[in-house]
Amino acid sequence: MSAIASLPLELVRHRVLGTKDAAAFIGLSVPTFRRLKDRRIIPMPILLSERRLGWRVGDLADWLDGRAAGLDWNAVLAARANNDNRKP
């Protein structure tokens, strides 16, 4: 069992993937992934260093769930905010 597999789900959602792995995670080629990033269709990346970008696994998973439901990323963020406001 890998160390990541033994982590709590909430920590796994915060794992950061580079461009190539993030594109593979959502099933796109790197050029298509970059086009979607440039058009702000996918979640915005985290600037890890001067030239390195990363994406949280949880953001990508939420984006995929939103796409399956016919939502854009802004609608997913709004739904996420509403759910966060309902937690005690």
N, C-alpha and C. Protein backbone atom coordinates (compact mmCIF):
# COMPACT_ATOMS: atom_id res chain seq x y z
N MET A 1 0.85 -1.17 0.00
CA MET A 1 0.00 0.00 0.00
C MET A 1 0.90 1.24 0.00
N SER A 2 0.60 2.18 -0.89
CA SER A 2 1.41 3.40 -0.96
C SER A 2 1.07 4.32 0.20
N ALA A 3 1.98 5.24 0.47
CA ALA A 3 1.76 6.19 1.56
C ALA A 3 0.54 7.07 1.28
N ILE A 4 0.32 7.40 0.01
CA ILE A 4 -0.82 8.26 -0.33
C ILE A 4 -2.13 7.50 -0.13
N ALA A 5 -2.15 6.21 -0.45
CA ALA A 5 -3.36 5.43 -0.29
C ALA A 5 -3.80 5.34 1.18
N SER A 6 -2.86 5.48 2.10
CA SER A 6 -3.20 5.38 3.52
C SER A 6 -3.59 6.71 4.14
N LEU A 7 -3.49 7.80 3.37
CA LEU A 7 -3.85 9.12 3.89
C LEU A 7 -5.37 9.28 3.94
N PRO A 8 -5.86 10.11 4.86
CA PRO A 8 -7.30 10.42 4.87
C PRO A 8 -7.70 11.10 3.56
N LEU A 9 -8.93 10.87 3.14
CA LEU A 9 -9.43 11.40 1.87
C LEU A 9 -9.24 12.90 1.76
N GLU A 10 -9.46 13.64 2.83
CA GLU A 10 -9.34 15.09 2.77
C GLU A 10 -7.91 15.52 2.44
N LEU A 11 -6.92 14.77 2.91
CA LEU A 11 -5.52 15.09 2.59
C LEU A 11 -5.20 14.72 1.14
N VAL A 12 -5.74 13.61 0.68
CA VAL A 12 -5.50 13.19 -0.71
C VAL A 12 -6.04 14.24 -1.67
N ARG A 13 -7.18 14.84 -1.34
CA ARG A 13 -7.78 15.87 -2.20
C ARG A 13 -6.87 17.09 -2.34
N HIS A 14 -5.96 17.30 -1.40
CA HIS A 14 -5.05 18.44 -1.44
C HIS A 14 -3.73 18.12 -2.15
N ARG A 15 -3.56 16.88 -2.58
CA ARG A 15 -2.34 16.53 -3.31
C ARG A 15 -2.28 17.37 -4.59
N VAL A 16 -1.09 17.80 -4.95
CA VAL A 16 -0.90 18.67 -6.12
C VAL A 16 -0.26 17.88 -7.24
N LEU A 17 -0.84 18.00 -8.45
CA LEU A 17 -0.32 17.34 -9.65
C LEU A 17 0.25 18.38 -10.59
N GLY A 18 1.31 18.01 -11.28
CA GLY A 18 1.87 18.86 -12.32
C GLY A 18 0.98 18.81 -13.56
N THR A 19 1.34 19.59 -14.56
CA THR A 19 0.52 19.72 -15.76
C THR A 19 0.27 18.37 -16.44
N LYS A 20 1.32 17.60 -16.65
CA LYS A 20 1.18 16.32 -17.36
C LYS A 20 0.28 15.36 -16.58
N ASP A 21 0.49 15.25 -15.26
CA ASP A 21 -0.32 14.35 -14.45
C ASP A 21 -1.76 14.86 -14.29
N ALA A 22 -1.93 16.17 -14.20
CA ALA A 22 -3.28 16.74 -14.09
C ALA A 22 -4.06 16.48 -15.38
N ALA A 23 -3.41 16.66 -16.52
CA ALA A 23 -4.07 16.39 -17.80
C ALA A 23 -4.47 14.92 -17.89
N ALA A 24 -3.56 14.03 -17.49
CA ALA A 24 -3.86 12.59 -17.52
C ALA A 24 -5.00 12.25 -16.55
N PHE A 25 -5.02 12.90 -15.40
CA PHE A 25 -6.05 12.65 -14.39
C PHE A 25 -7.45 12.90 -14.95
N ILE A 26 -7.59 13.96 -15.76
CA ILE A 26 -8.93 14.25 -16.30
C ILE A 26 -9.12 13.72 -17.72
N GLY A 27 -8.10 13.02 -18.23
CA GLY A 27 -8.26 12.33 -19.51
C GLY A 27 -8.07 13.20 -20.74
N LEU A 28 -7.20 14.21 -20.64
CA LEU A 28 -6.95 15.09 -21.77
C LEU A 28 -5.48 15.08 -22.14
N SER A 29 -5.20 15.45 -23.37
CA SER A 29 -3.82 15.65 -23.77
C SER A 29 -3.30 16.93 -23.11
N VAL A 30 -1.99 17.05 -22.99
CA VAL A 30 -1.41 18.25 -22.38
C VAL A 30 -1.77 19.50 -23.20
N PRO A 31 -1.67 19.48 -24.54
CA PRO A 31 -2.06 20.70 -25.28
C PRO A 31 -3.52 21.11 -25.06
N THR A 32 -4.43 20.15 -25.03
CA THR A 32 -5.84 20.47 -24.78
C THR A 32 -6.01 21.01 -23.37
N PHE A 33 -5.35 20.40 -22.41
CA PHE A 33 -5.40 20.85 -21.03
C PHE A 33 -4.93 22.30 -20.92
N ARG A 34 -3.84 22.62 -21.60
CA ARG A 34 -3.31 23.98 -21.56
C ARG A 34 -4.27 24.98 -22.21
N ARG A 35 -4.93 24.56 -23.30
CA ARG A 35 -5.92 25.45 -23.93
C ARG A 35 -7.07 25.74 -22.97
N LEU A 36 -7.54 24.71 -22.27
CA LEU A 36 -8.63 24.91 -21.31
C LEU A 36 -8.18 25.82 -20.16
N LYS A 37 -6.92 25.67 -19.74
CA LYS A 37 -6.37 26.55 -18.69
C LYS A 37 -6.35 28.00 -19.18
N ASP A 38 -5.84 28.19 -20.40
CA ASP A 38 -5.76 29.55 -20.95
C ASP A 38 -7.13 30.19 -21.10
N ARG A 39 -8.15 29.37 -21.37
CA ARG A 39 -9.52 29.89 -21.51
C ARG A 39 -10.26 29.92 -20.18
N ARG A 40 -9.57 29.52 -19.10
CA ARG A 40 -10.12 29.51 -17.73
C ARG A 40 -11.35 28.61 -17.60
N ILE A 41 -11.30 27.47 -18.29
CA ILE A 41 -12.40 26.51 -18.23
C ILE A 41 -12.17 25.50 -17.11
N ILE A 42 -10.92 25.18 -16.84
CA ILE A 42 -10.58 24.27 -15.75
C ILE A 42 -10.18 25.09 -14.53
N PRO A 43 -10.08 24.44 -13.36
CA PRO A 43 -9.65 25.18 -12.18
C PRO A 43 -8.30 25.86 -12.40
N MET A 44 -8.13 27.01 -11.79
CA MET A 44 -6.87 27.74 -11.90
C MET A 44 -5.78 26.99 -11.14
N PRO A 45 -4.57 27.01 -11.69
CA PRO A 45 -3.47 26.31 -11.04
C PRO A 45 -2.91 27.10 -9.86
N ILE A 46 -2.10 26.40 -9.11
CA ILE A 46 -1.33 26.99 -8.02
C ILE A 46 0.06 27.25 -8.57
N LEU A 47 0.60 28.42 -8.34
CA LEU A 47 1.96 28.72 -8.78
C LEU A 47 2.93 28.13 -7.75
N LEU A 48 3.60 27.05 -8.13
CA LEU A 48 4.50 26.35 -7.22
C LEU A 48 5.89 26.98 -7.18
N SER A 49 6.30 27.49 -8.31
CA SER A 49 7.57 28.21 -8.41
C SER A 49 7.43 29.18 -9.58
N GLU A 50 8.52 29.79 -9.95
CA GLU A 50 8.47 30.80 -11.01
C GLU A 50 7.91 30.23 -12.32
N ARG A 51 8.23 28.97 -12.61
CA ARG A 51 7.80 28.38 -13.88
C ARG A 51 6.99 27.09 -13.74
N ARG A 52 6.63 26.72 -12.53
CA ARG A 52 5.95 25.44 -12.30
C ARG A 52 4.55 25.67 -11.76
N LEU A 53 3.57 25.02 -12.39
CA LEU A 53 2.17 25.10 -11.97
C LEU A 53 1.72 23.76 -11.43
N GLY A 54 0.73 23.79 -10.56
CA GLY A 54 0.16 22.56 -10.02
C GLY A 54 -1.34 22.71 -9.81
N TRP A 55 -2.02 21.57 -9.79
CA TRP A 55 -3.48 21.53 -9.58
C TRP A 55 -3.79 20.58 -8.45
N ARG A 56 -4.70 20.99 -7.56
CA ARG A 56 -5.14 20.11 -6.48
C ARG A 56 -6.05 19.02 -7.06
N VAL A 57 -5.82 17.80 -6.61
CA VAL A 57 -6.63 16.66 -7.06
C VAL A 57 -8.10 16.91 -6.76
N GLY A 58 -8.41 17.47 -5.60
CA GLY A 58 -9.80 17.72 -5.24
C GLY A 58 -10.49 18.70 -6.18
N ASP A 59 -9.76 19.73 -6.60
CA ASP A 59 -10.34 20.70 -7.55
C ASP A 59 -10.63 20.03 -8.89
N LEU A 60 -9.70 19.21 -9.35
CA LEU A 60 -9.90 18.52 -10.63
C LEU A 60 -11.06 17.53 -10.54
N ALA A 61 -11.15 16.81 -9.42
CA ALA A 61 -12.26 15.85 -9.24
C ALA A 61 -13.60 16.58 -9.18
N ASP A 62 -13.64 17.71 -8.47
CA ASP A 62 -14.89 18.50 -8.41
C ASP A 62 -15.25 19.04 -9.79
N TRP A 63 -14.25 19.48 -10.57
CA TRP A 63 -14.50 19.98 -11.91
C TRP A 63 -15.10 18.87 -12.78
N LEU A 64 -14.54 17.66 -12.69
CA LEU A 64 -15.08 16.53 -13.47
C LEU A 64 -16.52 16.23 -13.07
N ASP A 65 -16.80 16.23 -11.76
CA ASP A 65 -18.17 15.99 -11.31
C ASP A 65 -19.11 17.08 -11.83
N GLY A 66 -18.64 18.33 -11.82
CA GLY A 66 -19.44 19.42 -12.34
C GLY A 66 -19.71 19.28 -13.82
N ARG A 67 -18.68 18.89 -14.58
CA ARG A 67 -18.87 18.69 -16.02
C ARG A 67 -19.91 17.60 -16.28
N ALA A 68 -19.86 16.54 -15.49
CA ALA A 68 -20.84 15.45 -15.65
C ALA A 68 -22.26 15.94 -15.37
N ALA A 69 -22.37 16.95 -14.49
CA ALA A 69 -23.68 17.52 -14.16
C ALA A 69 -24.04 18.70 -15.05
N GLY A 70 -23.17 19.03 -16.02
CA GLY A 70 -23.44 20.13 -16.93
C GLY A 70 -23.12 21.50 -16.37
N LEU A 71 -22.25 21.56 -15.36
CA LEU A 71 -21.91 22.84 -14.72
C LEU A 71 -20.53 23.31 -15.18
N ASP A 72 -20.35 24.63 -15.21
CA ASP A 72 -19.01 25.16 -15.45
C ASP A 72 -18.31 25.32 -14.10
N TRP A 73 -17.02 25.66 -14.13
CA TRP A 73 -16.23 25.72 -12.91
C TRP A 73 -16.78 26.75 -11.92
N ASN A 74 -17.25 27.89 -12.39
CA ASN A 74 -17.80 28.89 -11.49
C ASN A 74 -19.04 28.38 -10.75
N ALA A 75 -19.86 27.60 -11.44
CA ALA A 75 -21.04 27.01 -10.80
C ALA A 75 -20.62 25.97 -9.76
N VAL A 76 -19.57 25.22 -10.06
CA VAL A 76 -19.05 24.24 -9.09
C VAL A 76 -18.55 24.97 -7.84
N LEU A 77 -17.82 26.07 -8.04
CA LEU A 77 -17.32 26.84 -6.90
C LEU A 77 -18.47 27.40 -6.06
N ALA A 78 -19.52 27.87 -6.72
CA ALA A 78 -20.68 28.41 -6.00
C ALA A 78 -21.36 27.31 -5.19
N ALA A 79 -21.51 26.14 -5.79
CA ALA A 79 -22.13 25.02 -5.08
C ALA A 79 -21.26 24.59 -3.90
N ARG A 80 -19.95 24.59 -4.10
CA ARG A 80 -19.02 24.23 -3.03
C ARG A 80 -19.14 25.23 -1.87
N ALA A 81 -19.24 26.51 -2.19
CA ALA A 81 -19.37 27.55 -1.16
C ALA A 81 -20.67 27.38 -0.38
N ASN A 82 -21.75 27.05 -1.08
CA ASN A 82 -23.03 26.82 -0.41
C ASN A 82 -22.95 25.64 0.54
N ASN A 83 -22.27 24.57 0.12
CA ASN A 83 -22.12 23.40 0.98
C ASN A 83 -21.26 23.72 2.19
N ASP A 84 -20.22 24.53 2.02
CA ASP A 84 -19.36 24.91 3.13
C ASP A 84 -20.11 25.75 4.15
N ASN A 85 -21.06 26.58 3.68
CA ASN A 85 -21.83 27.44 4.58
C ASN A 85 -22.84 26.64 5.41
N ARG A 86 -23.19 25.46 4.97
CA ARG A 86 -24.18 24.65 5.67
C ARG A 86 -23.57 23.78 6.75
N LYS A 87 -22.24 23.63 6.74
CA LYS A 87 -21.58 22.79 7.75
C LYS A 87 -21.61 23.50 9.10
N PRO A 88 -21.85 22.72 10.17
CA PRO A 88 -21.90 23.34 11.50
C PRO A 88 -20.56 23.82 11.97
